[in-house]
Every structure is written in C-alpha cells, then in structure tokens.
N, C-alpha and C. Protein backbone atom coordinates (compact mmCIF):
# COMPACT_ATOMS: atom_id res chain seq x y z
N MET A 1 206.41 -44.24 101.50
CA MET A 1 205.78 -44.31 102.78
C MET A 1 206.71 -43.96 103.95
N THR A 2 206.22 -43.55 104.94
CA THR A 2 207.04 -43.18 106.08
C THR A 2 206.77 -44.24 107.21
N PHE A 3 207.69 -44.59 108.05
CA PHE A 3 207.47 -45.36 109.22
C PHE A 3 207.67 -44.66 110.35
N TYR A 4 206.46 -44.84 111.35
CA TYR A 4 206.47 -44.19 112.50
C TYR A 4 207.33 -45.28 113.49
N ILE A 5 208.11 -44.62 114.32
CA ILE A 5 208.79 -45.24 115.25
C ILE A 5 207.98 -45.39 116.53
N SER A 6 207.81 -46.47 117.00
CA SER A 6 207.12 -46.79 118.27
C SER A 6 207.84 -47.39 119.23
N PRO A 7 208.26 -46.47 120.49
CA PRO A 7 209.03 -46.88 121.34
C PRO A 7 208.28 -47.66 122.50
N GLU A 8 206.82 -47.38 122.43
CA GLU A 8 206.10 -48.04 123.50
C GLU A 8 204.70 -48.38 122.80
N ALA A 9 204.15 -49.68 123.10
CA ALA A 9 202.96 -50.04 122.43
C ALA A 9 201.80 -48.95 123.05
N ASP A 10 201.90 -48.49 124.15
CA ASP A 10 200.85 -47.57 124.73
C ASP A 10 200.85 -46.22 123.85
N ASP A 11 201.81 -46.03 123.15
CA ASP A 11 201.71 -44.73 122.27
C ASP A 11 200.85 -45.22 121.02
N LEU A 12 199.55 -44.63 121.15
CA LEU A 12 198.43 -45.13 120.43
C LEU A 12 198.31 -44.44 118.97
N ALA A 13 199.45 -43.91 118.62
CA ALA A 13 199.27 -43.00 117.14
C ALA A 13 199.06 -44.04 116.24
N THR A 14 197.92 -43.73 115.27
CA THR A 14 197.77 -44.43 114.18
C THR A 14 198.21 -43.49 112.96
N THR A 15 199.07 -44.21 112.15
CA THR A 15 199.77 -43.36 111.07
C THR A 15 199.24 -43.63 109.83
N PRO A 16 199.48 -42.86 108.77
CA PRO A 16 199.17 -43.31 107.34
C PRO A 16 200.28 -44.21 106.86
N GLY A 17 201.52 -44.20 107.52
CA GLY A 17 202.62 -45.09 106.96
C GLY A 17 202.62 -46.34 107.75
N GLY A 18 203.77 -46.81 107.87
CA GLY A 18 203.92 -48.16 108.56
C GLY A 18 204.52 -47.85 110.01
N ILE A 19 204.66 -48.88 110.87
CA ILE A 19 205.16 -48.69 112.23
C ILE A 19 206.33 -49.55 112.33
N TYR A 20 207.29 -49.01 112.96
CA TYR A 20 208.57 -49.77 113.33
C TYR A 20 208.82 -49.87 114.78
N VAL A 21 208.95 -51.05 115.34
CA VAL A 21 209.04 -51.24 116.76
C VAL A 21 210.37 -51.90 116.89
N PRO A 22 211.26 -50.96 117.55
CA PRO A 22 212.63 -51.65 117.81
C PRO A 22 212.67 -52.81 118.65
N VAL A 23 213.76 -53.48 118.83
CA VAL A 23 213.84 -54.75 119.44
C VAL A 23 213.49 -54.70 120.97
N ASN A 24 213.71 -53.63 121.67
CA ASN A 24 213.37 -53.47 123.13
C ASN A 24 212.08 -52.55 123.13
N GLY A 25 211.36 -52.22 122.05
CA GLY A 25 210.19 -51.51 122.08
C GLY A 25 209.09 -52.29 122.46
N GLY A 26 207.97 -51.63 122.72
CA GLY A 26 206.74 -52.25 123.19
C GLY A 26 206.55 -51.84 124.53
N ARG A 27 205.57 -52.43 125.39
CA ARG A 27 205.25 -52.18 126.58
C ARG A 27 205.28 -53.64 127.30
N THR A 28 206.20 -53.74 128.46
CA THR A 28 206.25 -55.01 129.15
C THR A 28 205.40 -55.04 130.30
N LYS A 29 204.86 -56.27 130.49
CA LYS A 29 203.87 -56.47 131.79
C LYS A 29 204.18 -57.88 132.22
N TRP A 30 204.17 -57.98 133.47
CA TRP A 30 204.05 -59.18 134.20
C TRP A 30 202.58 -59.70 134.22
N PHE A 31 202.29 -60.91 133.92
CA PHE A 31 201.00 -61.55 133.87
C PHE A 31 200.95 -62.98 134.51
N SER A 32 200.61 -63.13 135.70
CA SER A 32 200.46 -64.71 136.19
C SER A 32 201.64 -65.38 136.04
N GLY A 33 202.83 -64.86 136.21
CA GLY A 33 204.18 -65.52 136.30
C GLY A 33 204.91 -65.52 134.80
N ASP A 34 204.21 -65.05 133.83
CA ASP A 34 204.79 -64.95 132.46
C ASP A 34 205.11 -63.34 132.28
N VAL A 35 205.89 -63.16 131.20
CA VAL A 35 206.36 -61.81 130.93
C VAL A 35 205.88 -61.58 129.41
N TYR A 36 205.02 -60.62 129.34
CA TYR A 36 204.49 -60.38 127.88
C TYR A 36 204.82 -58.85 127.60
N SER A 37 205.43 -58.75 126.37
CA SER A 37 205.75 -57.49 125.69
C SER A 37 204.98 -57.24 124.68
N VAL A 38 203.98 -56.21 124.70
CA VAL A 38 202.99 -55.88 123.70
C VAL A 38 203.79 -55.11 122.61
N LYS A 39 203.86 -55.40 121.53
CA LYS A 39 204.66 -54.80 120.43
C LYS A 39 203.65 -54.01 119.54
N LEU A 40 202.52 -54.46 119.24
CA LEU A 40 201.58 -53.65 118.42
C LEU A 40 200.17 -53.95 119.16
N THR A 41 199.45 -52.93 119.14
CA THR A 41 198.04 -52.91 119.64
C THR A 41 197.13 -52.65 118.49
N ALA A 42 195.88 -53.03 118.71
CA ALA A 42 194.75 -52.75 117.74
C ALA A 42 194.64 -51.32 117.52
N ALA A 43 194.87 -50.46 118.47
CA ALA A 43 194.71 -48.92 118.23
C ALA A 43 195.90 -48.60 117.34
N GLN A 44 196.88 -48.99 117.36
CA GLN A 44 198.05 -48.71 116.31
C GLN A 44 197.72 -49.20 114.91
N THR A 45 197.07 -50.32 114.81
CA THR A 45 196.88 -51.00 113.62
C THR A 45 195.55 -50.80 112.99
N ARG A 46 194.89 -49.96 113.45
CA ARG A 46 193.48 -49.64 113.12
C ARG A 46 192.55 -51.02 113.18
N GLY A 47 192.82 -51.51 114.41
CA GLY A 47 192.08 -52.93 114.74
C GLY A 47 192.44 -54.17 114.05
N SER A 48 193.38 -54.01 113.05
CA SER A 48 193.60 -55.28 112.40
C SER A 48 194.59 -56.32 113.01
N LEU A 49 195.41 -55.90 114.10
CA LEU A 49 196.33 -56.83 114.49
C LEU A 49 196.83 -56.56 115.92
N GLY A 50 197.04 -57.32 116.82
CA GLY A 50 197.82 -57.22 118.09
C GLY A 50 198.96 -58.26 118.18
N VAL A 51 200.08 -57.75 118.56
CA VAL A 51 201.29 -58.65 118.64
C VAL A 51 201.86 -58.59 119.96
N VAL A 52 202.14 -59.86 120.47
CA VAL A 52 202.82 -59.75 121.84
C VAL A 52 204.04 -60.74 121.80
N GLU A 53 205.26 -60.45 122.35
CA GLU A 53 206.30 -61.39 122.56
C GLU A 53 206.16 -61.87 124.14
N ALA A 54 206.19 -63.25 124.22
CA ALA A 54 206.03 -63.79 125.61
C ALA A 54 207.29 -64.67 126.02
N SER A 55 207.61 -64.47 127.28
CA SER A 55 208.55 -65.47 127.87
C SER A 55 207.81 -66.11 128.93
N VAL A 56 207.78 -67.42 128.72
CA VAL A 56 207.02 -68.31 129.63
C VAL A 56 208.07 -69.39 130.50
N PRO A 57 208.05 -69.12 131.69
CA PRO A 57 209.20 -69.77 132.48
C PRO A 57 208.59 -71.30 132.74
N PRO A 58 209.24 -72.33 133.01
CA PRO A 58 208.86 -73.60 133.34
C PRO A 58 207.57 -73.54 134.36
N GLY A 59 206.65 -74.27 133.97
CA GLY A 59 205.39 -74.34 134.78
C GLY A 59 204.26 -73.20 134.25
N GLY A 60 204.87 -72.14 133.48
CA GLY A 60 203.99 -71.19 133.19
C GLY A 60 203.12 -71.27 132.06
N GLY A 61 202.12 -70.40 131.93
CA GLY A 61 201.10 -70.26 130.89
C GLY A 61 199.75 -70.11 131.32
N PRO A 62 199.03 -69.75 130.55
CA PRO A 62 197.56 -69.44 130.97
C PRO A 62 196.58 -70.67 131.24
N VAL A 63 195.58 -70.39 131.79
CA VAL A 63 194.48 -71.61 131.88
C VAL A 63 193.86 -71.61 130.52
N ALA A 64 193.12 -72.85 130.42
CA ALA A 64 192.48 -73.04 129.24
C ALA A 64 191.48 -71.86 128.94
N HIS A 65 191.26 -71.41 127.73
CA HIS A 65 190.36 -70.19 127.49
C HIS A 65 189.92 -70.23 126.10
N THR A 66 189.03 -69.37 125.73
CA THR A 66 188.51 -69.09 124.44
C THR A 66 188.68 -67.59 124.30
N HIS A 67 188.61 -67.25 123.00
CA HIS A 67 188.41 -65.74 122.55
C HIS A 67 187.18 -65.76 121.73
N ALA A 68 186.34 -64.84 122.14
CA ALA A 68 185.06 -64.70 121.25
C ALA A 68 185.26 -63.96 119.86
N ASP A 69 186.28 -62.89 119.92
CA ASP A 69 186.18 -62.10 118.73
C ASP A 69 187.65 -62.19 117.99
N GLN A 70 188.56 -62.80 118.41
CA GLN A 70 189.84 -62.95 117.79
C GLN A 70 190.43 -64.38 117.73
N ASP A 71 191.09 -64.59 116.57
CA ASP A 71 191.92 -65.69 116.30
C ASP A 71 193.13 -65.34 116.91
N GLU A 72 194.07 -66.49 117.42
CA GLU A 72 195.29 -66.37 117.91
C GLU A 72 196.27 -67.35 117.31
N THR A 73 197.35 -66.74 116.95
CA THR A 73 198.45 -67.52 116.20
C THR A 73 199.80 -67.40 116.97
N PHE A 74 200.34 -68.56 117.30
CA PHE A 74 201.78 -68.42 118.07
C PHE A 74 202.87 -68.94 117.17
N TYR A 75 203.88 -68.29 117.44
CA TYR A 75 205.11 -68.71 116.68
C TYR A 75 206.38 -68.93 117.68
N LEU A 76 206.83 -70.19 117.80
CA LEU A 76 207.85 -70.37 118.82
C LEU A 76 209.25 -69.99 118.51
N LEU A 77 209.91 -69.18 119.27
CA LEU A 77 211.11 -68.56 119.15
C LEU A 77 212.40 -69.46 119.91
N ALA A 78 211.94 -69.96 120.99
CA ALA A 78 212.92 -70.71 121.82
C ALA A 78 211.99 -71.66 122.68
N GLY A 79 212.48 -72.86 123.09
CA GLY A 79 211.91 -73.70 124.00
C GLY A 79 210.89 -74.66 123.46
N GLU A 80 210.05 -75.06 124.34
CA GLU A 80 208.88 -75.99 123.87
C GLU A 80 207.58 -75.65 124.79
N LEU A 81 206.54 -75.78 124.20
CA LEU A 81 205.35 -75.56 124.84
C LEU A 81 204.40 -76.58 124.60
N GLU A 82 203.60 -76.99 125.58
CA GLU A 82 202.48 -78.09 125.32
C GLU A 82 201.31 -77.23 125.03
N PHE A 83 200.70 -77.31 124.11
CA PHE A 83 199.41 -76.69 123.64
C PHE A 83 198.30 -77.56 123.79
N LEU A 84 197.04 -76.98 124.31
CA LEU A 84 195.82 -77.63 124.37
C LEU A 84 195.13 -76.98 123.08
N ASP A 85 194.57 -78.05 122.34
CA ASP A 85 193.61 -77.60 121.17
C ASP A 85 192.42 -78.37 121.33
N GLY A 86 191.33 -77.56 121.94
CA GLY A 86 190.01 -78.25 122.18
C GLY A 86 190.19 -79.25 123.31
N ASP A 87 190.36 -80.59 122.85
CA ASP A 87 190.46 -81.59 123.99
C ASP A 87 191.84 -82.40 123.78
N ARG A 88 192.65 -81.94 122.80
CA ARG A 88 194.02 -82.72 122.85
C ARG A 88 195.15 -81.84 122.95
N THR A 89 196.19 -82.46 123.49
CA THR A 89 197.51 -81.64 123.61
C THR A 89 198.44 -82.19 122.69
N PHE A 90 199.40 -81.14 122.31
CA PHE A 90 200.64 -81.56 121.64
C PHE A 90 201.83 -80.65 121.99
N THR A 91 202.88 -80.92 121.70
CA THR A 91 204.09 -80.17 121.98
C THR A 91 204.53 -79.44 120.79
N ALA A 92 204.86 -78.15 120.82
CA ALA A 92 205.32 -77.36 119.77
C ALA A 92 206.72 -76.71 120.09
N GLY A 93 207.56 -76.78 119.11
CA GLY A 93 208.97 -76.30 119.42
C GLY A 93 209.45 -75.30 118.56
N VAL A 94 210.74 -74.95 118.66
CA VAL A 94 211.17 -73.78 117.87
C VAL A 94 210.92 -73.87 116.45
N GLY A 95 210.44 -72.85 115.89
CA GLY A 95 210.02 -72.68 114.48
C GLY A 95 208.64 -73.20 114.23
N ASP A 96 207.96 -73.72 115.15
CA ASP A 96 206.47 -74.28 114.94
C ASP A 96 205.56 -73.12 115.03
N LEU A 97 204.46 -73.15 114.42
CA LEU A 97 203.39 -72.17 114.36
C LEU A 97 202.14 -73.00 114.78
N VAL A 98 201.33 -72.31 115.47
CA VAL A 98 200.06 -72.89 116.08
C VAL A 98 198.95 -71.77 115.84
N HIS A 99 197.91 -72.05 115.26
CA HIS A 99 196.81 -71.19 115.12
C HIS A 99 195.62 -71.73 115.73
N CYS A 100 194.97 -70.80 116.44
CA CYS A 100 193.69 -71.31 117.32
C CYS A 100 192.65 -70.40 116.84
N PRO A 101 191.62 -70.76 115.99
CA PRO A 101 190.64 -69.84 115.63
C PRO A 101 189.68 -69.48 116.87
N ARG A 102 189.00 -68.36 116.69
CA ARG A 102 188.27 -67.88 117.75
C ARG A 102 187.25 -68.83 118.13
N GLY A 103 186.78 -69.08 119.42
CA GLY A 103 185.90 -70.10 119.87
C GLY A 103 186.45 -71.37 120.29
N VAL A 104 187.71 -71.63 119.83
CA VAL A 104 188.29 -72.87 120.27
C VAL A 104 189.15 -72.71 121.54
N ARG A 105 188.68 -73.72 122.50
CA ARG A 105 189.27 -73.87 123.67
C ARG A 105 190.93 -74.04 123.56
N HIS A 106 191.80 -73.38 124.09
CA HIS A 106 193.15 -73.43 123.98
C HIS A 106 193.91 -73.06 125.20
N ARG A 107 195.26 -73.30 125.30
CA ARG A 107 196.21 -73.01 126.23
C ARG A 107 197.53 -73.33 125.95
N PHE A 108 198.55 -72.79 126.46
CA PHE A 108 199.85 -73.27 126.46
C PHE A 108 200.54 -73.43 127.82
N LYS A 109 201.40 -74.34 127.80
CA LYS A 109 202.14 -74.55 129.18
C LYS A 109 203.54 -74.87 128.90
N ASN A 110 204.35 -74.31 129.76
CA ASN A 110 205.79 -74.81 129.61
C ASN A 110 206.03 -75.91 130.53
N VAL A 111 206.10 -77.20 129.94
CA VAL A 111 206.43 -78.47 130.66
C VAL A 111 207.89 -78.69 130.67
N GLY A 112 208.68 -77.84 130.13
CA GLY A 112 210.20 -78.17 130.01
C GLY A 112 210.88 -77.64 131.22
N LEU A 113 212.35 -77.43 131.03
CA LEU A 113 213.25 -77.03 132.05
C LEU A 113 213.65 -75.64 131.81
N HIS A 114 213.44 -75.06 130.65
CA HIS A 114 213.92 -73.73 130.26
C HIS A 114 212.89 -72.68 129.79
N THR A 115 212.97 -71.46 129.91
CA THR A 115 211.99 -70.47 129.57
C THR A 115 211.86 -70.62 127.94
N ALA A 116 210.56 -70.63 127.63
CA ALA A 116 210.14 -70.77 126.24
C ALA A 116 209.88 -69.21 125.70
N ARG A 117 210.05 -68.86 124.58
CA ARG A 117 209.69 -67.51 124.06
C ARG A 117 209.03 -67.73 122.70
N MET A 118 208.03 -66.81 122.71
CA MET A 118 207.39 -66.98 121.41
C MET A 118 206.71 -65.57 121.15
N LEU A 119 206.22 -65.48 120.00
CA LEU A 119 205.28 -64.32 119.51
C LEU A 119 204.00 -64.78 119.24
N PHE A 120 202.98 -63.95 119.54
CA PHE A 120 201.62 -64.36 119.37
C PHE A 120 200.88 -63.19 118.65
N PHE A 121 200.04 -63.47 117.91
CA PHE A 121 199.21 -62.58 117.01
C PHE A 121 197.72 -62.67 117.27
N TYR A 122 197.11 -61.64 117.55
CA TYR A 122 195.56 -61.58 117.69
C TYR A 122 195.22 -61.00 116.37
N THR A 123 194.07 -61.60 115.70
CA THR A 123 193.62 -61.07 114.43
C THR A 123 192.16 -61.24 114.65
N PRO A 124 191.27 -60.15 114.45
CA PRO A 124 191.77 -58.62 114.62
C PRO A 124 192.46 -58.45 116.08
N GLY A 125 193.05 -57.35 116.17
CA GLY A 125 193.81 -56.91 117.33
C GLY A 125 192.57 -56.67 118.50
N GLY A 126 193.23 -56.77 119.69
CA GLY A 126 192.19 -56.28 120.84
C GLY A 126 192.53 -57.03 122.11
N SER A 127 192.81 -58.26 122.02
CA SER A 127 192.89 -59.10 123.27
C SER A 127 194.28 -58.62 124.06
N GLU A 128 195.17 -58.11 123.39
CA GLU A 128 196.52 -57.80 123.99
C GLU A 128 196.33 -56.74 125.06
N GLY A 129 195.15 -55.94 124.95
CA GLY A 129 194.74 -54.98 126.07
C GLY A 129 194.61 -55.51 127.37
N LEU A 130 194.14 -56.87 127.60
CA LEU A 130 194.25 -57.45 128.72
C LEU A 130 195.56 -57.38 129.45
N PHE A 131 196.61 -57.65 128.87
CA PHE A 131 197.87 -57.49 129.53
C PHE A 131 198.28 -56.08 129.95
N LEU A 132 197.88 -55.20 129.02
CA LEU A 132 198.33 -53.77 129.38
C LEU A 132 197.35 -53.16 130.54
N GLU A 133 196.07 -53.76 130.66
CA GLU A 133 195.26 -53.11 131.59
C GLU A 133 195.38 -53.96 132.95
N GLY A 134 195.56 -55.48 132.76
CA GLY A 134 195.58 -56.24 133.99
C GLY A 134 196.92 -56.67 134.51
N GLY A 135 197.88 -56.42 133.74
CA GLY A 135 199.25 -57.09 134.15
C GLY A 135 199.98 -55.93 135.12
N ASP A 136 201.06 -56.44 135.69
CA ASP A 136 201.87 -55.68 136.63
C ASP A 136 203.13 -55.14 135.93
N ASP A 137 203.53 -53.99 136.46
CA ASP A 137 204.83 -53.42 135.87
C ASP A 137 205.92 -54.19 136.32
N PRO A 138 206.84 -54.58 135.43
CA PRO A 138 207.96 -55.41 135.84
C PRO A 138 208.94 -54.79 136.65
N GLU A 139 209.64 -55.36 137.47
CA GLU A 139 210.79 -54.91 138.51
C GLU A 139 212.08 -55.42 138.17
N PRO A 140 212.99 -54.78 137.60
CA PRO A 140 214.29 -55.23 137.27
C PRO A 140 214.99 -56.04 138.42
N GLY A 141 215.50 -57.26 138.03
CA GLY A 141 216.24 -58.03 139.10
C GLY A 141 215.25 -58.72 140.01
N VAL A 142 214.00 -58.81 139.76
CA VAL A 142 213.06 -59.45 140.52
C VAL A 142 212.44 -60.53 139.73
N GLN A 143 212.32 -61.76 140.29
CA GLN A 143 211.67 -62.86 139.71
C GLN A 143 210.12 -62.62 139.49
N VAL A 144 209.70 -62.96 138.32
CA VAL A 144 208.10 -62.76 138.05
C VAL A 144 207.38 -63.50 139.07
N PRO A 145 206.45 -63.00 139.90
CA PRO A 145 205.66 -63.68 140.75
C PRO A 145 204.54 -64.44 140.03
N THR A 146 204.15 -65.58 140.44
CA THR A 146 202.96 -66.37 139.90
C THR A 146 201.65 -65.78 140.78
N TRP A 147 200.52 -65.82 140.11
CA TRP A 147 199.42 -65.31 140.67
C TRP A 147 198.61 -66.43 141.31
N GLY A 148 197.85 -66.23 142.37
CA GLY A 148 197.03 -67.16 143.08
C GLY A 148 195.58 -66.91 142.36
N PRO A 149 194.67 -67.69 142.80
CA PRO A 149 193.29 -67.62 142.31
C PRO A 149 192.62 -66.49 142.71
N GLU A 150 192.99 -65.82 143.89
CA GLU A 150 192.39 -64.58 144.18
C GLU A 150 192.68 -63.47 143.29
N ARG A 151 193.63 -63.48 142.47
CA ARG A 151 193.90 -62.49 141.45
C ARG A 151 193.02 -62.51 140.33
N PHE A 152 192.31 -63.66 140.08
CA PHE A 152 191.33 -63.80 138.98
C PHE A 152 189.83 -63.67 139.48
N GLN A 153 189.57 -62.64 140.24
CA GLN A 153 188.33 -62.27 140.73
C GLN A 153 188.08 -60.84 140.37
N GLY A 154 186.89 -60.40 140.73
CA GLY A 154 186.43 -59.02 140.49
C GLY A 154 187.04 -58.13 139.20
N HIS A 155 187.84 -57.29 139.39
CA HIS A 155 188.40 -56.53 138.34
C HIS A 155 188.79 -57.39 137.07
N MET A 156 189.51 -58.57 137.40
CA MET A 156 190.20 -59.33 136.44
C MET A 156 189.13 -59.97 135.52
N LEU A 157 188.10 -60.38 136.24
CA LEU A 157 187.06 -61.07 135.46
C LEU A 157 186.34 -59.94 134.67
N ASP A 158 186.21 -58.86 135.19
CA ASP A 158 185.58 -57.86 134.32
C ASP A 158 186.42 -57.54 133.07
N LEU A 159 187.88 -57.61 133.25
CA LEU A 159 188.77 -57.42 132.08
C LEU A 159 188.53 -58.60 131.07
N PHE A 160 188.41 -59.87 131.59
CA PHE A 160 188.16 -61.03 130.68
C PHE A 160 186.88 -60.80 129.91
N ALA A 161 185.91 -60.34 130.57
CA ALA A 161 184.84 -60.11 129.79
C ALA A 161 184.86 -58.87 128.76
N LYS A 162 185.49 -57.93 128.97
CA LYS A 162 185.87 -56.64 128.25
C LYS A 162 186.62 -57.19 126.96
N TYR A 163 187.60 -58.09 127.07
CA TYR A 163 188.34 -58.64 125.99
C TYR A 163 187.94 -59.78 125.36
N GLY A 164 186.59 -60.29 125.64
CA GLY A 164 186.16 -61.40 124.96
C GLY A 164 186.77 -62.91 125.40
N LEU A 165 187.31 -62.82 126.63
CA LEU A 165 188.00 -64.29 126.95
C LEU A 165 187.09 -64.87 127.91
N GLU A 166 187.09 -66.08 127.88
CA GLU A 166 186.32 -66.96 128.78
C GLU A 166 187.28 -67.98 129.30
N ALA A 167 187.62 -68.13 130.59
CA ALA A 167 188.33 -69.36 131.07
C ALA A 167 187.61 -70.47 131.13
N LEU A 168 188.05 -71.63 130.82
CA LEU A 168 187.31 -72.92 130.85
C LEU A 168 188.06 -74.00 131.44
N PRO A 169 187.55 -74.84 132.05
CA PRO A 169 188.21 -76.04 132.77
C PRO A 169 188.63 -77.08 131.64
N GLU A 170 189.94 -77.65 132.05
CA GLU A 170 190.46 -78.79 131.17
C GLU A 170 189.83 -79.90 131.38
N GLY A 171 189.70 -80.92 130.49
CA GLY A 171 189.35 -82.27 130.79
C GLY A 171 187.94 -82.50 130.78
C-alpha cells in the first residue's frame, strides 16, 4: 500500500492507498472564536470520515446543535471542556472520549482558564465542510475574534442546512 501525503485538507485527492497528514497538515480556519484544523475530509475518505483538530479558548465552543447525518466523537488532548448531552452537562478532561450520535443535542464549552485541545471525528464525514466554507482564514499574530449573532444569518444559515446542522436552544 502507498500513502498519499496530504499537506492540506482541501487537496481532495482520493487515493487507492492510505493518507498521511503531517503534524502541521490540514487546513486551518477560525470559526466563532475557536481554531479548527481540518485534517481529513469526506472527499478524501470516500465519505467515511472527517477529522478536525480544535483549539478552544476559555469561553469558546459552539451553541447547542444536532447533526442530521453524522455521529460526532471527541477526544480531549489538553484542558477540560463542559459537554452538553441532550439535557445534562458534564466535564471531560485529557484522555476522555465523548460520542454524540446523530440527532442528539450537544455542545462543548471551555469553562476553564486555559485553551483546550481535542480531535473530533465525523462519521460519516461531511460536517467538517462547514468550517472550510464558513470559517475565516487565520492571521498569524492576531487573536481569534469571536463572532456576534449577525454572523449566524443568511449565508451561514444556508451552510448549516447544507451540512445538516440545526442550532437548538439550551434549557
């Protein structure tokens, strides 16, 4: 078997062999105050998987939401995150794994003092496209800006629908 070396996740080649993504490989986007590096896309894996590395600063994380067509699994690399699973919250830390089946309302939030890092996996792949299409290109040496509610109108709502995400209120 040969391994295809993928310097960027937007290199959409599907190969008969494996895919190798170097440590700084993938495509990085800023999304609502968080940093997401898409390591593998559905297009690269024949639809089977999407992989994203996330850096979530204190206070960061998405609103509660569901995925219509993907399960989402999180693996914590550093820090702690509060997760919402349906109607309950719990804290996950380094080495913990959290699996959210499609259709289950969930979110994560950094309620700590330090940036949390994690990998998350979409099965099948697809939802990682939201970050690639809707995120901002990062700027070296600049703090990641948070987004206000105006950012989640129009085009962003169209992207949510395209990728099967539905934002849901908490509580």
